[in-house]
């Protein structure tokens, strides 16, 4: 089984914010996290330098854990967040 598929098995929710601009990138991410249970994992696909800087930083400030931030082709990045305690 490819590594990508094994990784997706641990993801509870997916969010694509590649078409969004700040501040909507984190607004959409926060709304997704708000609908999740503590400990669940959200995978976020994003595009651009600003979301790469701001979304992980803001999520951490709000008590969530950054599990992974991977640069992908075409200026995309994949972020995995674990929702913090309620």
PDB file of N, CA and C in Angstrom:
ATOM      1  N   UNK A   1       0.863  -1.192   0.000  1.00  0.00           N
ATOM      2  CA  UNK A   1       0.000   0.000   0.000  1.00  0.00           C
ATOM      3  C   UNK A   1       0.893   1.233   0.000  1.00  0.00           C
ATOM      4  N   UNK A   2       0.640   2.211  -0.883  1.00  0.00           N
ATOM      5  CA  UNK A   2       1.473   3.411  -0.931  1.00  0.00           C
ATOM      6  C   UNK A   2       1.399   4.196   0.380  1.00  0.00           C
ATOM      7  N   UNK A   3       2.481   4.918   0.690  1.00  0.00           N
ATOM      8  CA  UNK A   3       2.555   5.720   1.913  1.00  0.00           C
ATOM      9  C   UNK A   3       1.382   6.690   2.013  1.00  0.00           C
ATOM     10  N   UNK A   4       1.005   7.321   0.908  1.00  0.00           N
ATOM     11  CA  UNK A   4      -0.087   8.306   0.908  1.00  0.00           C
ATOM     12  C   UNK A   4      -1.382   7.692   1.441  1.00  0.00           C
ATOM     13  N   UNK A   5      -1.699   6.479   1.032  1.00  0.00           N
ATOM     14  CA  UNK A   5      -2.927   5.841   1.483  1.00  0.00           C
ATOM     15  C   UNK A   5      -2.862   5.505   2.967  1.00  0.00           C
ATOM     16  N   UNK A   6      -1.721   5.021   3.446  1.00  0.00           N
ATOM     17  CA  UNK A   6      -1.604   4.714   4.873  1.00  0.00           C
ATOM     18  C   UNK A   6      -1.798   5.972   5.698  1.00  0.00           C
ATOM     19  N   UNK A   7      -1.244   7.101   5.244  1.00  0.00           N
ATOM     20  CA  UNK A   7      -1.372   8.345   5.977  1.00  0.00           C
ATOM     21  C   UNK A   7      -2.833   8.785   6.029  1.00  0.00           C
ATOM     22  N   UNK A   8      -3.564   8.664   4.932  1.00  0.00           N
ATOM     23  CA  UNK A   8      -4.953   9.093   4.892  1.00  0.00           C
ATOM     24  C   UNK A   8      -5.827   8.287   5.846  1.00  0.00           C
ATOM     25  N   UNK A   9      -5.434   7.061   6.171  1.00  0.00           N
ATOM     26  CA  UNK A   9      -6.227   6.256   7.089  1.00  0.00           C
ATOM     27  C   UNK A   9      -6.318   6.899   8.463  1.00  0.00           C
ATOM     28  N   UNK A  10      -5.349   7.717   8.823  1.00  0.00           N
ATOM     29  CA  UNK A  10      -5.351   8.344  10.143  1.00  0.00           C
ATOM     30  C   UNK A  10      -6.047   9.703  10.134  1.00  0.00           C
ATOM     31  N   UNK A  11      -6.544  10.132   8.986  1.00  0.00           N
ATOM     32  CA  UNK A  11      -7.191  11.438   8.856  1.00  0.00           C
ATOM     33  C   UNK A  11      -8.702  11.259   8.997  1.00  0.00           C
ATOM     34  N   UNK A  12      -9.297  12.068   9.874  1.00  0.00           N
ATOM     35  CA  UNK A  12     -10.741  11.976  10.101  1.00  0.00           C
ATOM     36  C   UNK A  12     -11.534  12.877   9.163  1.00  0.00           C
ATOM     37  N   UNK A  13     -10.970  14.022   8.805  1.00  0.00           N
ATOM     38  CA  UNK A  13     -11.662  14.986   7.944  1.00  0.00           C
ATOM     39  C   UNK A  13     -10.665  15.632   6.988  1.00  0.00           C
ATOM     40  N   UNK A  14     -11.150  15.992   5.792  1.00  0.00           N
ATOM     41  CA  UNK A  14     -10.329  16.663   4.782  1.00  0.00           C
ATOM     42  C   UNK A  14     -10.939  18.030   4.484  1.00  0.00           C
ATOM     43  N   UNK A  15     -10.074  19.009   4.206  1.00  0.00           N
ATOM     44  CA  UNK A  15     -10.519  20.348   3.857  1.00  0.00           C
ATOM     45  C   UNK A  15      -9.604  20.896   2.771  1.00  0.00           C
ATOM     46  N   UNK A  16     -10.189  21.408   1.703  1.00  0.00           N
ATOM     47  CA  UNK A  16      -9.427  22.013   0.608  1.00  0.00           C
ATOM     48  C   UNK A  16      -9.685  23.514   0.637  1.00  0.00           C
ATOM     49  N   UNK A  17      -8.649  24.292   0.979  1.00  0.00           N
ATOM     50  CA  UNK A  17      -8.777  25.756   1.023  1.00  0.00           C
ATOM     51  C   UNK A  17      -7.877  26.405  -0.033  1.00  0.00           C
ATOM     52  N   UNK A  18      -7.573  25.661  -1.090  1.00  0.00           N
ATOM     53  CA  UNK A  18      -6.668  26.182  -2.117  1.00  0.00           C
ATOM     54  C   UNK A  18      -7.251  27.373  -2.864  1.00  0.00           C
ATOM     55  N   UNK A  19      -8.564  27.499  -2.901  1.00  0.00           N
ATOM     56  CA  UNK A  19      -9.189  28.619  -3.614  1.00  0.00           C
ATOM     57  C   UNK A  19      -9.454  29.813  -2.697  1.00  0.00           C
ATOM     58  N   UNK A  20      -9.156  29.673  -1.402  1.00  0.00           N
ATOM     59  CA  UNK A  20      -9.439  30.732  -0.431  1.00  0.00           C
ATOM     60  C   UNK A  20      -8.237  31.648  -0.239  1.00  0.00           C
ATOM     61  N   UNK A  21      -8.513  32.866   0.232  1.00  0.00           N
ATOM     62  CA  UNK A  21      -7.449  33.799   0.607  1.00  0.00           C
ATOM     63  C   UNK A  21      -7.626  34.148   2.082  1.00  0.00           C
ATOM     64  N   UNK A  22      -6.545  34.614   2.698  1.00  0.00           N
ATOM     65  CA  UNK A  22      -6.611  35.030   4.106  1.00  0.00           C
ATOM     66  C   UNK A  22      -7.537  36.231   4.218  1.00  0.00           C
ATOM     67  N   UNK A  23      -8.360  36.326   5.238  1.00  0.00           N
ATOM     68  CA  UNK A  23      -8.385  35.484   6.429  1.00  0.00           C
ATOM     69  C   UNK A  23      -9.305  34.270   6.301  1.00  0.00           C
ATOM     70  N   UNK A  24      -9.931  34.067   5.150  1.00  0.00           N
ATOM     71  CA  UNK A  24     -10.877  32.955   5.004  1.00  0.00           C
ATOM     72  C   UNK A  24     -10.192  31.590   5.118  1.00  0.00           C
ATOM     73  N   UNK A  25      -8.889  31.529   4.863  1.00  0.00           N
ATOM     74  CA  UNK A  25      -8.203  30.243   4.973  1.00  0.00           C
ATOM     75  C   UNK A  25      -8.324  29.705   6.398  1.00  0.00           C
ATOM     76  N   UNK A  26      -8.076  30.564   7.396  1.00  0.00           N
ATOM     77  CA  UNK A  26      -8.196  30.047   8.755  1.00  0.00           C
ATOM     78  C   UNK A  26      -9.646  29.993   9.216  1.00  0.00           C
ATOM     79  N   UNK A  27     -10.487  30.875   8.740  1.00  0.00           N
ATOM     80  CA  UNK A  27     -11.910  30.819   9.115  1.00  0.00           C
ATOM     81  C   UNK A  27     -12.483  29.458   8.726  1.00  0.00           C
ATOM     82  N   UNK A  28     -12.217  29.020   7.511  1.00  0.00           N
ATOM     83  CA  UNK A  28     -12.726  27.713   7.061  1.00  0.00           C
ATOM     84  C   UNK A  28     -12.101  26.572   7.858  1.00  0.00           C
ATOM     85  N   UNK A  29     -10.794  26.711   8.160  1.00  0.00           N
ATOM     86  CA  UNK A  29     -10.112  25.683   8.955  1.00  0.00           C
ATOM     87  C   UNK A  29     -10.707  25.624  10.355  1.00  0.00           C
ATOM     88  N   UNK A  30     -10.927  26.774  10.963  1.00  0.00           N
ATOM     89  CA  UNK A  30     -11.486  26.799  12.319  1.00  0.00           C
ATOM     90  C   UNK A  30     -12.899  26.211  12.350  1.00  0.00           C
ATOM     91  N   UNK A  31     -13.716  26.540  11.358  1.00  0.00           N
ATOM     92  CA  UNK A  31     -15.063  25.971  11.307  1.00  0.00           C
ATOM     93  C   UNK A  31     -15.011  24.445  11.222  1.00  0.00           C
ATOM     94  N   UNK A  32     -14.075  23.940  10.421  1.00  0.00           N
ATOM     95  CA  UNK A  32     -13.932  22.477  10.308  1.00  0.00           C
ATOM     96  C   UNK A  32     -13.504  21.882  11.644  1.00  0.00           C
ATOM     97  N   UNK A  33     -12.536  22.510  12.320  1.00  0.00           N
ATOM     98  CA  UNK A  33     -12.072  22.020  13.615  1.00  0.00           C
ATOM     99  C   UNK A  33     -13.190  22.078  14.652  1.00  0.00           C
ATOM    100  N   UNK A  34     -13.999  23.134  14.609  1.00  0.00           N
ATOM    101  CA  UNK A  34     -15.098  23.282  15.565  1.00  0.00           C
ATOM    102  C   UNK A  34     -16.105  22.140  15.467  1.00  0.00           C
ATOM    103  N   UNK A  35     -16.248  21.535  14.290  1.00  0.00           N
ATOM    104  CA  UNK A  35     -17.212  20.444  14.079  1.00  0.00           C
ATOM    105  C   UNK A  35     -16.635  19.078  14.459  1.00  0.00           C
ATOM    106  N   UNK A  36     -15.363  19.044  14.836  1.00  0.00           N
ATOM    107  CA  UNK A  36     -14.691  17.782  15.126  1.00  0.00           C
ATOM    108  C   UNK A  36     -14.631  17.518  16.631  1.00  0.00           C
ATOM    109  N   UNK A  37     -14.373  16.266  16.984  1.00  0.00           N
ATOM    110  CA  UNK A  37     -14.162  15.885  18.382  1.00  0.00           C
ATOM    111  C   UNK A  37     -12.682  16.047  18.736  1.00  0.00           C
ATOM    112  N   UNK A  38     -12.365  16.345  19.996  1.00  0.00           N
ATOM    113  CA  UNK A  38     -10.959  16.423  20.408  1.00  0.00           C
ATOM    114  C   UNK A  38     -10.213  15.145  20.038  1.00  0.00           C
ATOM    115  N   UNK A  39      -9.002  15.320  19.534  1.00  0.00           N
ATOM    116  CA  UNK A  39      -8.170  14.182  19.149  1.00  0.00           C
ATOM    117  C   UNK A  39      -8.298  13.771  17.696  1.00  0.00           C
ATOM    118  N   UNK A  40      -9.356  14.232  17.022  1.00  0.00           N
ATOM    119  CA  UNK A  40      -9.500  13.890  15.606  1.00  0.00           C
ATOM    120  C   UNK A  40      -8.487  14.685  14.775  1.00  0.00           C
ATOM    121  N   UNK A  41      -8.196  14.162  13.582  1.00  0.00           N
ATOM    122  CA  UNK A  41      -7.194  14.761  12.703  1.00  0.00           C
ATOM    123  C   UNK A  41      -7.863  15.363  11.474  1.00  0.00           C
ATOM    124  N   UNK A  42      -7.475  16.602  11.181  1.00  0.00           N
ATOM    125  CA  UNK A  42      -7.946  17.320   9.996  1.00  0.00           C
ATOM    126  C   UNK A  42      -6.783  17.479   9.039  1.00  0.00           C
ATOM    127  N   UNK A  43      -6.985  17.091   7.787  1.00  0.00           N
ATOM    128  CA  UNK A  43      -5.983  17.315   6.749  1.00  0.00           C
ATOM    129  C   UNK A  43      -6.457  18.478   5.890  1.00  0.00           C
ATOM    130  N   UNK A  44      -5.594  19.484   5.753  1.00  0.00           N
ATOM    131  CA  UNK A  44      -5.926  20.697   5.024  1.00  0.00           C
ATOM    132  C   UNK A  44      -4.996  20.819   3.820  1.00  0.00           C
ATOM    133  N   UNK A  45      -5.582  21.007   2.645  1.00  0.00           N
ATOM    134  CA  UNK A  45      -4.810  21.271   1.439  1.00  0.00           C
ATOM    135  C   UNK A  45      -4.895  22.770   1.183  1.00  0.00           C
ATOM    136  N   UNK A  46      -3.730  23.430   1.079  1.00  0.00           N
ATOM    137  CA  UNK A  46      -3.730  24.880   0.910  1.00  0.00           C
ATOM    138  C   UNK A  46      -2.705  25.293  -0.125  1.00  0.00           C
ATOM    139  N   UNK A  47      -2.825  26.551  -0.548  1.00  0.00           N
ATOM    140  CA  UNK A  47      -1.934  27.076  -1.581  1.00  0.00           C
ATOM    141  C   UNK A  47      -1.522  28.485  -1.205  1.00  0.00           C
ATOM    142  N   UNK A  48      -0.220  28.759  -1.304  1.00  0.00           N
ATOM    143  CA  UNK A  48       0.272  30.108  -1.056  1.00  0.00           C
ATOM    144  C   UNK A  48       1.061  30.217   0.230  1.00  0.00           C
ATOM    145  N   UNK A  49       1.932  31.207   0.270  1.00  0.00           N
ATOM    146  CA  UNK A  49       2.811  31.409   1.417  1.00  0.00           C
ATOM    147  C   UNK A  49       2.053  31.869   2.667  1.00  0.00           C
ATOM    148  N   UNK A  50       1.087  32.748   2.498  1.00  0.00           N
ATOM    149  CA  UNK A  50       0.372  33.292   3.659  1.00  0.00           C
ATOM    150  C   UNK A  50      -0.371  32.201   4.447  1.00  0.00           C
ATOM    151  N   UNK A  51      -1.160  31.350   3.794  1.00  0.00           N
ATOM    152  CA  UNK A  51      -1.807  30.272   4.557  1.00  0.00           C
ATOM    153  C   UNK A  51      -0.797  29.323   5.197  1.00  0.00           C
ATOM    154  N   UNK A  52       0.330  29.048   4.506  1.00  0.00           N
ATOM    155  CA  UNK A  52       1.353  28.161   5.065  1.00  0.00           C
ATOM    156  C   UNK A  52       1.918  28.707   6.369  1.00  0.00           C
ATOM    157  N   UNK A  53       2.028  30.012   6.463  1.00  0.00           N
ATOM    158  CA  UNK A  53       2.517  30.642   7.694  1.00  0.00           C
ATOM    159  C   UNK A  53       1.420  30.759   8.743  1.00  0.00           C
ATOM    160  N   UNK A  54       0.268  31.285   8.334  1.00  0.00           N
ATOM    161  CA  UNK A  54      -0.768  31.689   9.290  1.00  0.00           C
ATOM    162  C   UNK A  54      -1.649  30.567   9.822  1.00  0.00           C
ATOM    163  N   UNK A  55      -2.043  29.623   8.987  1.00  0.00           N
ATOM    164  CA  UNK A  55      -2.967  28.578   9.446  1.00  0.00           C
ATOM    165  C   UNK A  55      -2.326  27.713  10.537  1.00  0.00           C
ATOM    166  N   UNK A  56      -1.097  27.193  10.363  1.00  0.00           N
ATOM    167  CA  UNK A  56      -0.508  26.398  11.449  1.00  0.00           C
ATOM    168  C   UNK A  56      -0.282  27.225  12.726  1.00  0.00           C
ATOM    169  N   UNK A  57       0.179  28.460  12.574  1.00  0.00           N
ATOM    170  CA  UNK A  57       0.442  29.314  13.733  1.00  0.00           C
ATOM    171  C   UNK A  57      -0.834  29.576  14.522  1.00  0.00           C
ATOM    172  N   UNK A  58      -1.901  29.954  13.821  1.00  0.00           N
ATOM    173  CA  UNK A  58      -3.159  30.266  14.483  1.00  0.00           C
ATOM    174  C   UNK A  58      -3.774  29.014  15.115  1.00  0.00           C
ATOM    175  N   UNK A  59      -3.675  27.881  14.439  1.00  0.00           N
ATOM    176  CA  UNK A  59      -4.205  26.636  14.999  1.00  0.00           C
ATOM    177  C   UNK A  59      -3.476  26.283  16.296  1.00  0.00           C
ATOM    178  N   UNK A  60      -2.159  26.453  16.307  1.00  0.00           N
ATOM    179  CA  UNK A  60      -1.374  26.174  17.506  1.00  0.00           C
ATOM    180  C   UNK A  60      -1.772  27.122  18.636  1.00  0.00           C
ATOM    181  N   UNK A  61      -1.949  28.392  18.319  1.00  0.00           N
ATOM    182  CA  UNK A  61      -2.359  29.375  19.324  1.00  0.00           C
ATOM    183  C   UNK A  61      -3.703  29.008  19.948  1.00  0.00           C
ATOM    184  N   UNK A  62      -4.546  28.320  19.197  1.00  0.00           N
ATOM    185  CA  UNK A  62      -5.868  27.945  19.694  1.00  0.00           C
ATOM    186  C   UNK A  62      -5.887  26.563  20.345  1.00  0.00           C
ATOM    187  N   UNK A  63      -4.716  25.969  20.542  1.00  0.00           N
ATOM    188  CA  UNK A  63      -4.633  24.718  21.281  1.00  0.00           C
ATOM    189  C   UNK A  63      -4.634  23.452  20.463  1.00  0.00           C
ATOM    190  N   UNK A  64      -4.510  23.570  19.143  1.00  0.00           N
ATOM    191  CA  UNK A  64      -4.466  22.391  18.284  1.00  0.00           C
ATOM    192  C   UNK A  64      -3.006  22.045  17.989  1.00  0.00           C
ATOM    193  N   UNK A  65      -2.744  20.794  17.627  1.00  0.00           N
ATOM    194  CA  UNK A  65      -1.383  20.342  17.362  1.00  0.00           C
ATOM    195  C   UNK A  65      -1.134  20.201  15.869  1.00  0.00           C
ATOM    196  N   UNK A  66      -0.014  20.742  15.397  1.00  0.00           N
ATOM    197  CA  UNK A  66       0.416  20.551  14.016  1.00  0.00           C
ATOM    198  C   UNK A  66       1.164  19.231  13.965  1.00  0.00           C
ATOM    199  N   UNK A  67       0.629  18.288  13.202  1.00  0.00           N
ATOM    200  CA  UNK A  67       1.252  16.975  13.063  1.00  0.00           C
ATOM    201  C   UNK A  67       2.220  16.932  11.896  1.00  0.00           C
ATOM    202  N   UNK A  68       1.901  17.693  10.849  1.00  0.00           N
ATOM    203  CA  UNK A  68       2.709  17.621   9.628  1.00  0.00           C
ATOM    204  C   UNK A  68       2.389  18.813   8.739  1.00  0.00           C
ATOM    205  N   UNK A  69       3.415  19.344   8.111  1.00  0.00           N
ATOM    206  CA  UNK A  69       3.252  20.347   7.061  1.00  0.00           C
ATOM    207  C   UNK A  69       4.202  19.955   5.941  1.00  0.00           C
ATOM    208  N   UNK A  70       3.630  19.522   4.813  1.00  0.00           N
ATOM    209  CA  UNK A  70       4.419  18.999   3.702  1.00  0.00           C
ATOM    210  C   UNK A  70       4.195  19.857   2.472  1.00  0.00           C
ATOM    211  N   UNK A  71       5.300  20.277   1.852  1.00  0.00           N
ATOM    212  CA  UNK A  71       5.232  21.020   0.602  1.00  0.00           C
ATOM    213  C   UNK A  71       4.963  20.032  -0.532  1.00  0.00           C
ATOM    214  N   UNK A  72       4.011  20.371  -1.389  1.00  0.00           N
ATOM    215  CA  UNK A  72       3.669  19.535  -2.541  1.00  0.00           C
ATOM    216  C   UNK A  72       3.990  20.294  -3.817  1.00  0.00           C
ATOM    217  N   UNK A  73       3.833  19.646  -4.944  1.00  0.00           N
ATOM    218  CA  UNK A  73       4.083  20.289  -6.237  1.00  0.00           C
ATOM    219  C   UNK A  73       3.057  21.382  -6.507  1.00  0.00           C
ATOM    220  N   UNK A  74       3.431  22.352  -7.341  1.00  0.00           N
ATOM    221  CA  UNK A  74       2.501  23.380  -7.781  1.00  0.00           C
ATOM    222  C   UNK A  74       2.174  24.426  -6.725  1.00  0.00           C
ATOM    223  N   UNK A  75       3.047  24.577  -5.721  1.00  0.00           N
ATOM    224  CA  UNK A  75       2.806  25.577  -4.694  1.00  0.00           C
ATOM    225  C   UNK A  75       1.796  25.171  -3.646  1.00  0.00           C
ATOM    226  N   UNK A  76       1.422  23.903  -3.620  1.00  0.00           N
ATOM    227  CA  UNK A  76       0.458  23.404  -2.646  1.00  0.00           C
ATOM    228  C   UNK A  76       1.175  22.914  -1.395  1.00  0.00           C
ATOM    229  N   UNK A  77       0.447  22.846  -0.317  1.00  0.00           N
ATOM    230  CA  UNK A  77       0.965  22.279   0.926  1.00  0.00           C
ATOM    231  C   UNK A  77      -0.142  21.476   1.593  1.00  0.00           C
ATOM    232  N   UNK A  78       0.271  20.417   2.299  1.00  0.00           N
ATOM    233  CA  UNK A  78      -0.668  19.581   3.049  1.00  0.00           C
ATOM    234  C   UNK A  78      -0.349  19.740   4.528  1.00  0.00           C
ATOM    235  N   UNK A  79      -1.355  20.121   5.281  1.00  0.00           N
ATOM    236  CA  UNK A  79      -1.222  20.332   6.717  1.00  0.00           C
ATOM    237  C   UNK A  79      -2.109  19.333   7.435  1.00  0.00           C
ATOM    238  N   UNK A  80      -1.570  18.676   8.467  1.00  0.00           N
ATOM    239  CA  UNK A  80      -2.384  17.784   9.293  1.00  0.00           C
ATOM    240  C   UNK A  80      -2.404  18.347  10.706  1.00  0.00           C
ATOM    241  N   UNK A  81      -3.608  18.543  11.225  1.00  0.00           N
ATOM    242  CA  UNK A  81      -3.820  19.105  12.561  1.00  0.00           C
ATOM    243  C   UNK A  81      -4.586  18.120  13.425  1.00  0.00           C
ATOM    244  N   UNK A  82      -4.200  18.013  14.690  1.00  0.00           N
ATOM    245  CA  UNK A  82      -4.983  17.237  15.651  1.00  0.00           C
ATOM    246  C   UNK A  82      -5.739  18.227  16.527  1.00  0.00           C
ATOM    247  N   UNK A  83      -7.057  18.057  16.574  1.00  0.00           N
ATOM    248  CA  UNK A  83      -7.874  18.971  17.369  1.00  0.00           C
ATOM    249  C   UNK A  83      -7.525  18.835  18.847  1.00  0.00           C
ATOM    250  N   UNK A  84      -7.338  19.979  19.483  1.00  0.00           N
ATOM    251  CA  UNK A  84      -7.007  20.014  20.898  1.00  0.00           C
ATOM    252  C   UNK A  84      -8.211  19.745  21.769  1.00  0.00           C
ATOM    253  N   UNK A  85      -7.991  19.735  23.085  1.00  0.00           N
ATOM    254  CA  UNK A  85      -9.098  19.510  24.013  1.00  0.00           C
ATOM    255  C   UNK A  85     -10.168  20.594  23.890  1.00  0.00           C
ATOM    256  N   UNK A  86     -11.386  20.231  24.185  1.00  0.00           N
ATOM    257  CA  UNK A  86     -12.513  21.169  24.055  1.00  0.00           C
ATOM    258  C   UNK A  86     -12.383  22.333  25.002  1.00  0.00           C
TER     259      UNK A  86
END
